Amino acid sequence: MTDPRPIRVLIVDDDPMVIAGLELIVGSAPDIDVVGTATDGDEVIDAIHRHHPDVVLLDVRMKRQDGLVTTAAVNRLPHPPRIIVLTTWDTDDVVRRAIAGGAAGFLLKTANPADIVQAVRTVHAGAGVLSPDKVPYVFDVLNEGRSDRDAATAALSRLSARERDVAVEVARGLSNAQIGAKLYLGEATVKTHLANAQRKLGVGGRVGVAVIVTKAGLV
């Protein structure tokens, strides 16, 4: 059943013009509310406690605390919002660190406005998003060699059977609700299995889980 409540979004960027532009883009969608803004990474935790966003659009380069450090800090919260790293810095290292920190999405600020809006909806539904020009890089990472496959297989062996099932469906791009329907599990149970899998695998988000599952050759 579709959630009738608008998706609550927090925008974080040190450029007021970028904030204004993103507010216009995502705030124009009928199913999204911009509930707050922040201008630096060290303001984000307080802003989350104050505004309770579902999704955070987060810049990378900021004056006091960058978005990658902030991503990791947010994902240490008990019930963190989903994070989309939205940046002009198109480097593979940024993608790697964003995934490691638990970001649910990575997009360039030059992305089509419709793609940014859809990304908010996608990560809110429990899936992940990646800038199309970063897909080849991610697949390069996933195919670095046999030793990576062995390490990924060993890591997945630490999961229970149900946690492994959930991890595989995450790698296939299914949302939590879709996984629940496929595996006959409640959505809360899926979230619990996924959180346990992330902890055992030592990753901060579902993209990291998907990377390990794909490295192991399970999808």
N, C-alpha and C. Protein backbone atom coordinates (compact mmCIF):
# COMPACT_ATOMS: atom_id res chain seq x y z
N MET A 1 0.85 -1.20 0.00
CA MET A 1 0.00 0.00 0.00
C MET A 1 0.88 1.25 0.00
N THR A 2 0.57 2.21 -0.83
CA THR A 2 1.37 3.42 -0.95
C THR A 2 1.22 4.30 0.29
N ASP A 3 2.37 4.79 0.79
CA ASP A 3 2.36 5.69 1.94
C ASP A 3 1.84 7.05 1.49
N PRO A 4 0.72 7.55 2.07
CA PRO A 4 0.17 8.84 1.64
C PRO A 4 0.95 10.02 2.17
N ARG A 5 1.84 9.79 3.13
CA ARG A 5 2.59 10.89 3.71
C ARG A 5 3.69 11.34 2.75
N PRO A 6 3.83 12.65 2.53
CA PRO A 6 4.91 13.13 1.65
C PRO A 6 6.28 12.71 2.16
N ILE A 7 7.20 12.50 1.24
CA ILE A 7 8.58 12.17 1.59
C ILE A 7 9.25 13.44 2.14
N ARG A 8 9.82 13.35 3.32
CA ARG A 8 10.44 14.49 3.99
C ARG A 8 11.93 14.55 3.61
N VAL A 9 12.34 15.69 3.06
CA VAL A 9 13.70 15.83 2.53
C VAL A 9 14.44 16.96 3.24
N LEU A 10 15.68 16.68 3.63
CA LEU A 10 16.60 17.70 4.15
C LEU A 10 17.66 17.94 3.09
N ILE A 11 17.92 19.22 2.77
CA ILE A 11 18.92 19.59 1.77
C ILE A 11 20.13 20.19 2.48
N VAL A 12 21.33 19.69 2.13
CA VAL A 12 22.56 20.17 2.77
C VAL A 12 23.56 20.58 1.70
N ASP A 13 23.89 21.88 1.68
CA ASP A 13 24.86 22.41 0.71
C ASP A 13 25.36 23.74 1.23
N ASP A 14 26.63 24.05 0.96
CA ASP A 14 27.16 25.33 1.44
C ASP A 14 26.95 26.48 0.46
N ASP A 15 26.27 26.20 -0.65
CA ASP A 15 25.97 27.24 -1.64
C ASP A 15 24.47 27.55 -1.58
N PRO A 16 24.09 28.76 -1.15
CA PRO A 16 22.66 29.11 -1.05
C PRO A 16 21.92 28.96 -2.37
N MET A 17 22.60 29.21 -3.48
CA MET A 17 21.94 29.09 -4.78
C MET A 17 21.61 27.63 -5.10
N VAL A 18 22.51 26.73 -4.71
CA VAL A 18 22.25 25.31 -4.92
C VAL A 18 21.06 24.86 -4.07
N ILE A 19 21.05 25.30 -2.80
CA ILE A 19 19.92 24.96 -1.93
C ILE A 19 18.61 25.45 -2.54
N ALA A 20 18.61 26.68 -3.00
CA ALA A 20 17.40 27.25 -3.59
C ALA A 20 16.96 26.45 -4.82
N GLY A 21 17.93 26.06 -5.64
CA GLY A 21 17.60 25.28 -6.83
C GLY A 21 17.04 23.91 -6.49
N LEU A 22 17.66 23.25 -5.51
CA LEU A 22 17.17 21.93 -5.11
C LEU A 22 15.80 22.02 -4.45
N GLU A 23 15.59 23.07 -3.65
CA GLU A 23 14.27 23.27 -3.05
C GLU A 23 13.21 23.39 -4.13
N LEU A 24 13.53 24.13 -5.19
CA LEU A 24 12.58 24.32 -6.29
C LEU A 24 12.33 23.00 -7.02
N ILE A 25 13.42 22.24 -7.25
CA ILE A 25 13.30 20.98 -8.00
C ILE A 25 12.49 19.94 -7.23
N VAL A 26 12.94 19.61 -6.02
CA VAL A 26 12.28 18.52 -5.31
C VAL A 26 11.00 18.98 -4.62
N GLY A 27 10.96 20.26 -4.22
CA GLY A 27 9.77 20.76 -3.56
C GLY A 27 8.58 20.91 -4.47
N SER A 28 8.82 20.90 -5.78
CA SER A 28 7.71 21.03 -6.73
C SER A 28 6.96 19.71 -6.92
N ALA A 29 7.57 18.60 -6.46
CA ALA A 29 6.91 17.31 -6.59
C ALA A 29 5.79 17.21 -5.55
N PRO A 30 4.61 16.74 -5.93
CA PRO A 30 3.48 16.72 -5.00
C PRO A 30 3.65 15.75 -3.83
N ASP A 31 4.55 14.77 -3.98
CA ASP A 31 4.73 13.76 -2.94
C ASP A 31 6.00 13.98 -2.10
N ILE A 32 6.62 15.18 -2.23
CA ILE A 32 7.86 15.47 -1.51
C ILE A 32 7.74 16.82 -0.81
N ASP A 33 8.17 16.86 0.45
CA ASP A 33 8.25 18.11 1.21
C ASP A 33 9.70 18.36 1.61
N VAL A 34 10.20 19.57 1.33
CA VAL A 34 11.51 19.98 1.85
C VAL A 34 11.27 20.51 3.26
N VAL A 35 11.73 19.76 4.25
CA VAL A 35 11.41 20.10 5.65
C VAL A 35 12.51 20.91 6.32
N GLY A 36 13.67 21.01 5.69
CA GLY A 36 14.75 21.78 6.29
C GLY A 36 15.96 21.84 5.40
N THR A 37 16.88 22.74 5.75
CA THR A 37 18.14 22.87 5.03
C THR A 37 19.27 23.04 6.05
N ALA A 38 20.48 22.76 5.59
CA ALA A 38 21.68 23.00 6.40
C ALA A 38 22.80 23.40 5.45
N THR A 39 23.78 24.13 5.97
CA THR A 39 24.83 24.67 5.11
C THR A 39 26.19 24.03 5.35
N ASP A 40 26.29 23.06 6.27
CA ASP A 40 27.55 22.37 6.48
C ASP A 40 27.30 21.03 7.14
N GLY A 41 28.27 20.13 6.99
CA GLY A 41 28.09 18.78 7.49
C GLY A 41 27.91 18.68 8.99
N ASP A 42 28.55 19.59 9.73
CA ASP A 42 28.45 19.51 11.19
C ASP A 42 27.10 19.99 11.72
N GLU A 43 26.23 20.45 10.84
CA GLU A 43 24.88 20.85 11.24
C GLU A 43 23.85 19.74 11.01
N VAL A 44 24.26 18.67 10.35
CA VAL A 44 23.30 17.70 9.83
C VAL A 44 22.64 16.87 10.93
N ILE A 45 23.42 16.39 11.89
CA ILE A 45 22.83 15.55 12.94
C ILE A 45 21.74 16.32 13.69
N ASP A 46 22.05 17.56 14.08
CA ASP A 46 21.04 18.38 14.77
C ASP A 46 19.82 18.60 13.88
N ALA A 47 20.07 18.85 12.57
CA ALA A 47 18.96 19.08 11.64
C ALA A 47 18.09 17.83 11.50
N ILE A 48 18.70 16.66 11.53
CA ILE A 48 17.93 15.40 11.46
C ILE A 48 17.05 15.25 12.69
N HIS A 49 17.62 15.53 13.87
CA HIS A 49 16.82 15.42 15.10
C HIS A 49 15.66 16.44 15.10
N ARG A 50 15.89 17.58 14.47
CA ARG A 50 14.89 18.65 14.47
C ARG A 50 13.80 18.41 13.43
N HIS A 51 14.19 17.94 12.25
CA HIS A 51 13.24 17.88 11.13
C HIS A 51 12.76 16.47 10.79
N HIS A 52 13.45 15.44 11.26
CA HIS A 52 13.08 14.04 11.01
C HIS A 52 12.86 13.75 9.51
N PRO A 53 13.88 14.00 8.69
CA PRO A 53 13.72 13.72 7.26
C PRO A 53 13.77 12.23 6.96
N ASP A 54 13.16 11.86 5.84
CA ASP A 54 13.27 10.50 5.32
C ASP A 54 14.51 10.36 4.44
N VAL A 55 14.83 11.44 3.72
CA VAL A 55 15.94 11.44 2.76
C VAL A 55 16.74 12.72 2.94
N VAL A 56 18.07 12.59 2.85
CA VAL A 56 18.95 13.75 2.91
C VAL A 56 19.69 13.88 1.58
N LEU A 57 19.58 15.04 0.95
CA LEU A 57 20.40 15.37 -0.23
C LEU A 57 21.64 16.08 0.29
N LEU A 58 22.81 15.48 0.11
CA LEU A 58 24.00 15.90 0.82
C LEU A 58 25.15 16.22 -0.12
N ASP A 59 25.65 17.45 -0.02
CA ASP A 59 26.83 17.87 -0.79
C ASP A 59 28.08 17.18 -0.24
N VAL A 60 29.14 17.12 -1.05
CA VAL A 60 30.41 16.53 -0.61
C VAL A 60 31.34 17.58 -0.02
N ARG A 61 31.69 18.58 -0.81
CA ARG A 61 32.67 19.57 -0.38
C ARG A 61 32.00 20.70 0.38
N MET A 62 32.26 20.76 1.69
CA MET A 62 31.75 21.86 2.53
C MET A 62 32.87 22.35 3.43
N LYS A 63 32.68 23.51 4.03
CA LYS A 63 33.80 24.19 4.68
C LYS A 63 34.31 23.50 5.93
N ARG A 64 33.42 23.02 6.80
CA ARG A 64 33.87 22.49 8.09
C ARG A 64 33.88 20.96 8.13
N GLN A 65 32.88 20.33 7.57
CA GLN A 65 32.81 18.86 7.59
C GLN A 65 32.24 18.36 6.28
N ASP A 66 33.00 17.55 5.57
CA ASP A 66 32.55 17.14 4.24
C ASP A 66 31.42 16.11 4.32
N GLY A 67 30.77 15.94 3.18
CA GLY A 67 29.60 15.09 3.14
C GLY A 67 29.89 13.62 3.33
N LEU A 68 31.11 13.17 3.04
CA LEU A 68 31.43 11.76 3.20
C LEU A 68 31.61 11.40 4.67
N VAL A 69 32.26 12.28 5.42
CA VAL A 69 32.35 12.10 6.87
C VAL A 69 30.96 12.16 7.48
N THR A 70 30.16 13.09 6.98
CA THR A 70 28.79 13.25 7.49
C THR A 70 27.94 12.02 7.20
N THR A 71 28.09 11.44 6.02
CA THR A 71 27.34 10.24 5.66
C THR A 71 27.59 9.12 6.67
N ALA A 72 28.85 8.89 6.99
CA ALA A 72 29.18 7.85 7.95
C ALA A 72 28.61 8.16 9.33
N ALA A 73 28.65 9.43 9.74
CA ALA A 73 28.12 9.83 11.04
C ALA A 73 26.61 9.62 11.10
N VAL A 74 25.91 9.98 10.03
CA VAL A 74 24.46 9.82 9.99
C VAL A 74 24.07 8.35 10.09
N ASN A 75 24.82 7.49 9.42
CA ASN A 75 24.49 6.07 9.41
C ASN A 75 24.82 5.36 10.71
N ARG A 76 25.42 6.07 11.64
CA ARG A 76 25.60 5.52 12.98
C ARG A 76 24.42 5.83 13.89
N LEU A 77 23.47 6.63 13.41
CA LEU A 77 22.26 6.91 14.19
C LEU A 77 21.39 5.66 14.26
N PRO A 78 20.56 5.53 15.29
CA PRO A 78 19.73 4.33 15.43
C PRO A 78 18.79 4.09 14.24
N HIS A 79 18.17 5.15 13.75
CA HIS A 79 17.25 5.02 12.61
C HIS A 79 17.57 6.12 11.60
N PRO A 80 18.66 5.96 10.86
CA PRO A 80 19.12 7.04 9.98
C PRO A 80 18.22 7.25 8.77
N PRO A 81 18.12 8.48 8.30
CA PRO A 81 17.45 8.71 7.02
C PRO A 81 18.33 8.19 5.88
N ARG A 82 17.75 8.06 4.72
CA ARG A 82 18.50 7.63 3.53
C ARG A 82 19.26 8.83 2.97
N ILE A 83 20.47 8.60 2.51
CA ILE A 83 21.31 9.69 2.03
C ILE A 83 21.60 9.53 0.54
N ILE A 84 21.39 10.63 -0.19
CA ILE A 84 21.84 10.73 -1.58
C ILE A 84 22.98 11.74 -1.62
N VAL A 85 24.16 11.29 -1.98
CA VAL A 85 25.29 12.20 -2.17
C VAL A 85 25.12 12.86 -3.53
N LEU A 86 25.06 14.17 -3.52
CA LEU A 86 24.78 14.95 -4.73
C LEU A 86 25.92 15.94 -4.89
N THR A 87 26.76 15.77 -5.92
CA THR A 87 28.01 16.53 -5.96
C THR A 87 28.43 16.90 -7.37
N THR A 88 29.30 17.88 -7.46
CA THR A 88 29.94 18.22 -8.74
C THR A 88 31.27 17.50 -8.88
N TRP A 89 31.73 16.83 -7.81
CA TRP A 89 33.06 16.20 -7.80
C TRP A 89 32.95 14.77 -8.31
N ASP A 90 33.19 14.63 -9.61
CA ASP A 90 32.97 13.36 -10.30
C ASP A 90 34.26 12.53 -10.26
N THR A 91 34.57 11.94 -9.09
CA THR A 91 35.76 11.12 -8.97
C THR A 91 35.38 9.75 -8.41
N ASP A 92 36.14 8.73 -8.82
CA ASP A 92 35.85 7.38 -8.36
C ASP A 92 36.05 7.24 -6.86
N ASP A 93 37.00 7.99 -6.30
CA ASP A 93 37.23 7.90 -4.86
C ASP A 93 36.01 8.38 -4.08
N VAL A 94 35.35 9.42 -4.59
CA VAL A 94 34.14 9.91 -3.93
C VAL A 94 33.06 8.83 -3.94
N VAL A 95 32.90 8.15 -5.06
CA VAL A 95 31.91 7.08 -5.15
C VAL A 95 32.24 5.97 -4.15
N ARG A 96 33.50 5.56 -4.13
CA ARG A 96 33.92 4.48 -3.23
C ARG A 96 33.64 4.85 -1.77
N ARG A 97 34.02 6.06 -1.38
CA ARG A 97 33.84 6.48 0.01
C ARG A 97 32.37 6.68 0.36
N ALA A 98 31.60 7.16 -0.60
CA ALA A 98 30.16 7.33 -0.35
C ALA A 98 29.50 5.98 -0.10
N ILE A 99 29.84 4.98 -0.91
CA ILE A 99 29.28 3.64 -0.74
C ILE A 99 29.72 3.05 0.59
N ALA A 100 31.01 3.20 0.91
CA ALA A 100 31.53 2.66 2.17
C ALA A 100 30.86 3.31 3.38
N GLY A 101 30.51 4.59 3.25
CA GLY A 101 29.88 5.30 4.36
C GLY A 101 28.41 5.01 4.53
N GLY A 102 27.82 4.33 3.55
CA GLY A 102 26.42 3.96 3.67
C GLY A 102 25.46 4.80 2.86
N ALA A 103 25.95 5.57 1.90
CA ALA A 103 25.04 6.35 1.05
C ALA A 103 24.14 5.42 0.25
N ALA A 104 22.88 5.81 0.12
CA ALA A 104 21.93 5.03 -0.67
C ALA A 104 21.95 5.44 -2.13
N GLY A 105 22.55 6.59 -2.43
CA GLY A 105 22.58 7.05 -3.80
C GLY A 105 23.73 8.01 -4.05
N PHE A 106 24.12 8.11 -5.32
CA PHE A 106 25.18 9.02 -5.73
C PHE A 106 24.77 9.62 -7.07
N LEU A 107 24.59 10.94 -7.10
CA LEU A 107 24.23 11.64 -8.34
C LEU A 107 25.05 12.90 -8.48
N LEU A 108 25.28 13.30 -9.71
CA LEU A 108 25.92 14.58 -9.98
C LEU A 108 24.87 15.69 -9.94
N LYS A 109 25.32 16.89 -9.55
CA LYS A 109 24.40 18.03 -9.49
C LYS A 109 23.91 18.42 -10.89
N THR A 110 24.61 17.96 -11.90
CA THR A 110 24.19 18.23 -13.27
C THR A 110 23.12 17.27 -13.76
N ALA A 111 22.69 16.35 -12.89
CA ALA A 111 21.65 15.40 -13.27
C ALA A 111 20.36 16.13 -13.64
N ASN A 112 19.60 15.50 -14.51
CA ASN A 112 18.30 16.05 -14.89
C ASN A 112 17.43 16.21 -13.65
N PRO A 113 16.72 17.34 -13.50
CA PRO A 113 15.85 17.52 -12.33
C PRO A 113 14.89 16.37 -12.09
N ALA A 114 14.34 15.82 -13.15
CA ALA A 114 13.43 14.69 -13.00
C ALA A 114 14.13 13.48 -12.41
N ASP A 115 15.42 13.31 -12.74
CA ASP A 115 16.19 12.19 -12.20
C ASP A 115 16.45 12.38 -10.71
N ILE A 116 16.66 13.63 -10.29
CA ILE A 116 16.88 13.91 -8.87
C ILE A 116 15.60 13.60 -8.08
N VAL A 117 14.47 14.05 -8.59
CA VAL A 117 13.19 13.77 -7.93
C VAL A 117 12.95 12.27 -7.85
N GLN A 118 13.19 11.56 -8.94
CA GLN A 118 12.97 10.11 -8.94
C GLN A 118 13.94 9.41 -8.01
N ALA A 119 15.15 9.93 -7.89
CA ALA A 119 16.13 9.35 -6.97
C ALA A 119 15.64 9.43 -5.53
N VAL A 120 15.03 10.55 -5.17
CA VAL A 120 14.47 10.69 -3.82
C VAL A 120 13.41 9.62 -3.60
N ARG A 121 12.53 9.43 -4.56
CA ARG A 121 11.48 8.41 -4.43
C ARG A 121 12.07 7.00 -4.35
N THR A 122 13.09 6.76 -5.15
CA THR A 122 13.69 5.43 -5.22
C THR A 122 14.36 5.05 -3.90
N VAL A 123 15.17 5.94 -3.34
CA VAL A 123 15.86 5.59 -2.10
C VAL A 123 14.87 5.53 -0.93
N HIS A 124 13.83 6.36 -0.98
CA HIS A 124 12.81 6.30 0.07
C HIS A 124 12.09 4.96 0.04
N ALA A 125 11.95 4.39 -1.14
CA ALA A 125 11.29 3.08 -1.27
C ALA A 125 12.20 1.93 -0.85
N GLY A 126 13.48 2.23 -0.57
CA GLY A 126 14.38 1.20 -0.08
C GLY A 126 15.40 0.71 -1.07
N ALA A 127 15.42 1.26 -2.28
CA ALA A 127 16.40 0.86 -3.28
C ALA A 127 17.55 1.88 -3.31
N GLY A 128 18.50 1.68 -4.22
CA GLY A 128 19.62 2.59 -4.34
C GLY A 128 19.67 3.21 -5.72
N VAL A 129 20.41 4.30 -5.85
CA VAL A 129 20.56 4.96 -7.15
C VAL A 129 22.02 5.31 -7.35
N LEU A 130 22.45 5.29 -8.62
CA LEU A 130 23.82 5.60 -8.96
C LEU A 130 23.85 6.37 -10.26
N SER A 131 24.65 7.43 -10.29
CA SER A 131 24.81 8.20 -11.52
C SER A 131 25.21 7.26 -12.65
N PRO A 132 24.52 7.31 -13.81
CA PRO A 132 24.80 6.34 -14.88
C PRO A 132 26.26 6.28 -15.30
N ASP A 133 26.97 7.41 -15.29
CA ASP A 133 28.36 7.38 -15.74
C ASP A 133 29.30 6.75 -14.71
N LYS A 134 28.78 6.42 -13.50
CA LYS A 134 29.58 5.75 -12.49
C LYS A 134 29.37 4.24 -12.51
N VAL A 135 28.39 3.76 -13.27
CA VAL A 135 28.13 2.32 -13.33
C VAL A 135 29.34 1.53 -13.83
N PRO A 136 30.03 1.96 -14.91
CA PRO A 136 31.21 1.21 -15.34
C PRO A 136 32.28 1.11 -14.26
N TYR A 137 32.48 2.19 -13.51
CA TYR A 137 33.47 2.15 -12.42
C TYR A 137 33.09 1.12 -11.38
N VAL A 138 31.82 1.10 -10.98
CA VAL A 138 31.39 0.14 -9.97
C VAL A 138 31.60 -1.29 -10.46
N PHE A 139 31.31 -1.54 -11.74
CA PHE A 139 31.53 -2.89 -12.25
C PHE A 139 33.02 -3.22 -12.34
N ASP A 140 33.86 -2.22 -12.58
CA ASP A 140 35.31 -2.45 -12.53
C ASP A 140 35.72 -2.89 -11.13
N VAL A 141 35.17 -2.21 -10.12
CA VAL A 141 35.47 -2.57 -8.74
C VAL A 141 35.02 -3.99 -8.45
N LEU A 142 33.84 -4.34 -8.97
CA LEU A 142 33.28 -5.66 -8.69
C LEU A 142 34.05 -6.79 -9.37
N ASN A 143 34.85 -6.44 -10.38
CA ASN A 143 35.54 -7.47 -11.14
C ASN A 143 37.05 -7.38 -10.99
N GLU A 144 37.51 -7.00 -9.84
CA GLU A 144 38.95 -6.79 -9.63
C GLU A 144 39.74 -8.10 -9.58
N GLY A 145 39.08 -9.23 -9.38
CA GLY A 145 39.86 -10.47 -9.40
C GLY A 145 39.28 -11.57 -8.55
N ARG A 146 39.87 -12.74 -8.69
CA ARG A 146 39.40 -13.93 -8.00
C ARG A 146 39.51 -13.77 -6.48
N SER A 147 40.57 -13.09 -6.01
CA SER A 147 40.73 -12.93 -4.57
C SER A 147 39.56 -12.16 -3.97
N ASP A 148 39.05 -11.18 -4.72
CA ASP A 148 37.88 -10.43 -4.26
C ASP A 148 36.66 -11.34 -4.16
N ARG A 149 36.50 -12.23 -5.12
CA ARG A 149 35.37 -13.16 -5.07
C ARG A 149 35.48 -14.07 -3.85
N ASP A 150 36.66 -14.58 -3.59
CA ASP A 150 36.85 -15.46 -2.44
C ASP A 150 36.57 -14.71 -1.14
N ALA A 151 37.05 -13.47 -1.06
CA ALA A 151 36.82 -12.68 0.16
C ALA A 151 35.34 -12.38 0.35
N ALA A 152 34.64 -12.07 -0.76
CA ALA A 152 33.21 -11.79 -0.68
C ALA A 152 32.44 -13.04 -0.26
N THR A 153 32.81 -14.19 -0.81
CA THR A 153 32.15 -15.45 -0.44
C THR A 153 32.36 -15.76 1.03
N ALA A 154 33.57 -15.53 1.51
CA ALA A 154 33.86 -15.76 2.92
C ALA A 154 33.05 -14.82 3.81
N ALA A 155 32.92 -13.56 3.38
CA ALA A 155 32.15 -12.58 4.15
C ALA A 155 30.69 -13.01 4.23
N LEU A 156 30.13 -13.46 3.11
CA LEU A 156 28.71 -13.86 3.09
C LEU A 156 28.46 -15.12 3.91
N SER A 157 29.49 -15.91 4.13
CA SER A 157 29.31 -17.12 4.93
C SER A 157 28.99 -16.80 6.39
N ARG A 158 29.22 -15.55 6.79
CA ARG A 158 28.92 -15.14 8.16
C ARG A 158 27.43 -14.84 8.35
N LEU A 159 26.68 -14.79 7.26
CA LEU A 159 25.25 -14.45 7.33
C LEU A 159 24.42 -15.70 7.58
N SER A 160 23.27 -15.50 8.22
CA SER A 160 22.29 -16.58 8.31
C SER A 160 21.67 -16.79 6.93
N ALA A 161 20.96 -17.89 6.77
CA ALA A 161 20.34 -18.18 5.48
C ALA A 161 19.38 -17.08 5.06
N ARG A 162 18.58 -16.56 6.00
CA ARG A 162 17.60 -15.53 5.68
C ARG A 162 18.30 -14.20 5.38
N GLU A 163 19.34 -13.89 6.13
CA GLU A 163 20.10 -12.66 5.87
C GLU A 163 20.72 -12.71 4.48
N ARG A 164 21.21 -13.87 4.10
CA ARG A 164 21.80 -14.04 2.77
C ARG A 164 20.73 -13.88 1.68
N ASP A 165 19.54 -14.47 1.91
CA ASP A 165 18.46 -14.31 0.93
C ASP A 165 18.13 -12.83 0.73
N VAL A 166 18.03 -12.10 1.83
CA VAL A 166 17.71 -10.67 1.75
C VAL A 166 18.83 -9.93 1.03
N ALA A 167 20.08 -10.25 1.34
CA ALA A 167 21.21 -9.58 0.71
C ALA A 167 21.21 -9.78 -0.80
N VAL A 168 20.89 -10.98 -1.24
CA VAL A 168 20.85 -11.26 -2.69
C VAL A 168 19.76 -10.43 -3.36
N GLU A 169 18.60 -10.33 -2.74
CA GLU A 169 17.53 -9.53 -3.34
C GLU A 169 17.86 -8.05 -3.33
N VAL A 170 18.58 -7.58 -2.32
CA VAL A 170 19.06 -6.19 -2.32
C VAL A 170 19.96 -5.96 -3.53
N ALA A 171 20.86 -6.91 -3.80
CA ALA A 171 21.76 -6.78 -4.94
C ALA A 171 21.02 -6.80 -6.27
N ARG A 172 19.84 -7.41 -6.28
CA ARG A 172 19.03 -7.41 -7.50
C ARG A 172 18.23 -6.13 -7.66
N GLY A 173 18.33 -5.24 -6.68
CA GLY A 173 17.69 -3.93 -6.80
C GLY A 173 16.29 -3.84 -6.24
N LEU A 174 15.87 -4.85 -5.48
CA LEU A 174 14.51 -4.82 -4.93
C LEU A 174 14.45 -3.93 -3.70
N SER A 175 13.33 -3.28 -3.51
CA SER A 175 13.08 -2.50 -2.30
C SER A 175 12.75 -3.44 -1.15
N ASN A 176 12.74 -2.91 0.08
CA ASN A 176 12.39 -3.75 1.23
C ASN A 176 10.99 -4.35 1.10
N ALA A 177 10.05 -3.55 0.62
CA ALA A 177 8.69 -4.05 0.45
C ALA A 177 8.64 -5.18 -0.58
N GLN A 178 9.38 -5.03 -1.69
CA GLN A 178 9.41 -6.07 -2.72
C GLN A 178 10.08 -7.34 -2.20
N ILE A 179 11.14 -7.17 -1.41
CA ILE A 179 11.81 -8.34 -0.83
C ILE A 179 10.87 -9.08 0.11
N GLY A 180 10.15 -8.32 0.93
CA GLY A 180 9.20 -8.93 1.85
C GLY A 180 8.15 -9.74 1.12
N ALA A 181 7.63 -9.18 0.03
CA ALA A 181 6.60 -9.89 -0.73
C ALA A 181 7.18 -11.16 -1.37
N LYS A 182 8.40 -11.08 -1.86
CA LYS A 182 9.01 -12.23 -2.54
C LYS A 182 9.37 -13.34 -1.56
N LEU A 183 9.87 -12.95 -0.37
CA LEU A 183 10.34 -13.94 0.60
C LEU A 183 9.31 -14.25 1.69
N TYR A 184 8.10 -13.66 1.56
CA TYR A 184 7.03 -13.87 2.54
C TYR A 184 7.47 -13.42 3.94
N LEU A 185 8.04 -12.22 4.00
CA LEU A 185 8.49 -11.63 5.25
C LEU A 185 7.84 -10.27 5.43
N GLY A 186 7.62 -9.86 6.67
CA GLY A 186 7.18 -8.51 6.92
C GLY A 186 8.31 -7.52 6.62
N GLU A 187 7.94 -6.30 6.25
CA GLU A 187 8.96 -5.31 5.90
C GLU A 187 9.89 -5.02 7.08
N ALA A 188 9.36 -5.01 8.29
CA ALA A 188 10.19 -4.78 9.47
C ALA A 188 11.22 -5.90 9.64
N THR A 189 10.80 -7.14 9.32
CA THR A 189 11.73 -8.27 9.41
C THR A 189 12.83 -8.15 8.36
N VAL A 190 12.46 -7.71 7.16
CA VAL A 190 13.46 -7.49 6.12
C VAL A 190 14.49 -6.45 6.58
N LYS A 191 14.00 -5.37 7.17
CA LYS A 191 14.91 -4.33 7.65
C LYS A 191 15.86 -4.88 8.71
N THR A 192 15.35 -5.74 9.59
CA THR A 192 16.19 -6.34 10.64
C THR A 192 17.26 -7.24 10.02
N HIS A 193 16.85 -8.09 9.08
CA HIS A 193 17.83 -8.97 8.42
C HIS A 193 18.88 -8.15 7.67
N LEU A 194 18.44 -7.08 7.01
CA LEU A 194 19.38 -6.25 6.26
C LEU A 194 20.35 -5.55 7.20
N ALA A 195 19.85 -5.03 8.30
CA ALA A 195 20.73 -4.37 9.28
C ALA A 195 21.75 -5.35 9.84
N ASN A 196 21.32 -6.57 10.12
CA ASN A 196 22.25 -7.59 10.61
C ASN A 196 23.30 -7.93 9.56
N ALA A 197 22.86 -8.03 8.30
CA ALA A 197 23.79 -8.34 7.22
C ALA A 197 24.83 -7.23 7.06
N GLN A 198 24.37 -5.99 7.11
CA GLN A 198 25.30 -4.86 6.99
C GLN A 198 26.34 -4.90 8.12
N ARG A 199 25.88 -5.19 9.33
CA ARG A 199 26.80 -5.24 10.47
C ARG A 199 27.82 -6.35 10.30
N LYS A 200 27.37 -7.53 9.92
CA LYS A 200 28.27 -8.67 9.77
C LYS A 200 29.25 -8.50 8.61
N LEU A 201 28.79 -7.79 7.56
CA LEU A 201 29.65 -7.57 6.39
C LEU A 201 30.55 -6.36 6.55
N GLY A 202 30.27 -5.54 7.57
CA GLY A 202 31.09 -4.36 7.81
C GLY A 202 30.89 -3.25 6.80
N VAL A 203 29.64 -3.12 6.30
CA VAL A 203 29.33 -2.06 5.34
C VAL A 203 28.25 -1.15 5.93
N GLY A 204 28.18 0.08 5.40
CA GLY A 204 27.29 1.06 5.98
C GLY A 204 25.94 1.18 5.32
N GLY A 205 25.68 0.46 4.24
CA GLY A 205 24.40 0.61 3.55
C GLY A 205 24.16 -0.50 2.57
N ARG A 206 22.99 -0.47 1.92
CA ARG A 206 22.59 -1.56 1.03
C ARG A 206 23.46 -1.61 -0.24
N VAL A 207 24.01 -0.48 -0.67
CA VAL A 207 24.89 -0.52 -1.84
C VAL A 207 26.13 -1.36 -1.53
N GLY A 208 26.67 -1.20 -0.31
CA GLY A 208 27.81 -2.02 0.09
C GLY A 208 27.48 -3.49 0.12
N VAL A 209 26.28 -3.84 0.60
CA VAL A 209 25.82 -5.23 0.58
C VAL A 209 25.77 -5.74 -0.85
N ALA A 210 25.21 -4.92 -1.75
CA ALA A 210 25.08 -5.32 -3.16
C ALA A 210 26.44 -5.56 -3.79
N VAL A 211 27.42 -4.73 -3.45
CA VAL A 211 28.77 -4.88 -3.99
C VAL A 211 29.34 -6.25 -3.60
N ILE A 212 29.22 -6.62 -2.32
CA ILE A 212 29.78 -7.89 -1.86
C ILE A 212 29.06 -9.07 -2.50
N VAL A 213 27.73 -9.01 -2.57
CA VAL A 213 26.96 -10.09 -3.20
C VAL A 213 27.36 -10.25 -4.66
N THR A 214 27.54 -9.14 -5.35
CA THR A 214 27.90 -9.21 -6.77
C THR A 214 29.33 -9.72 -6.94
N LYS A 215 30.23 -9.30 -6.07
CA LYS A 215 31.59 -9.82 -6.12
C LYS A 215 31.62 -11.33 -5.93
N ALA A 216 30.72 -11.83 -5.08
CA ALA A 216 30.66 -13.28 -4.82
C ALA A 216 30.03 -14.05 -5.98
N GLY A 217 29.51 -13.32 -6.97
CA GLY A 217 28.93 -13.96 -8.16
C GLY A 217 27.54 -14.51 -7.97
N LEU A 218 26.81 -13.96 -6.97
CA LEU A 218 25.48 -14.49 -6.70
C LEU A 218 24.38 -13.81 -7.50
N VAL A 219 24.69 -12.72 -8.19
CA VAL A 219 23.73 -12.07 -9.09
C VAL A 219 24.43 -11.73 -10.39
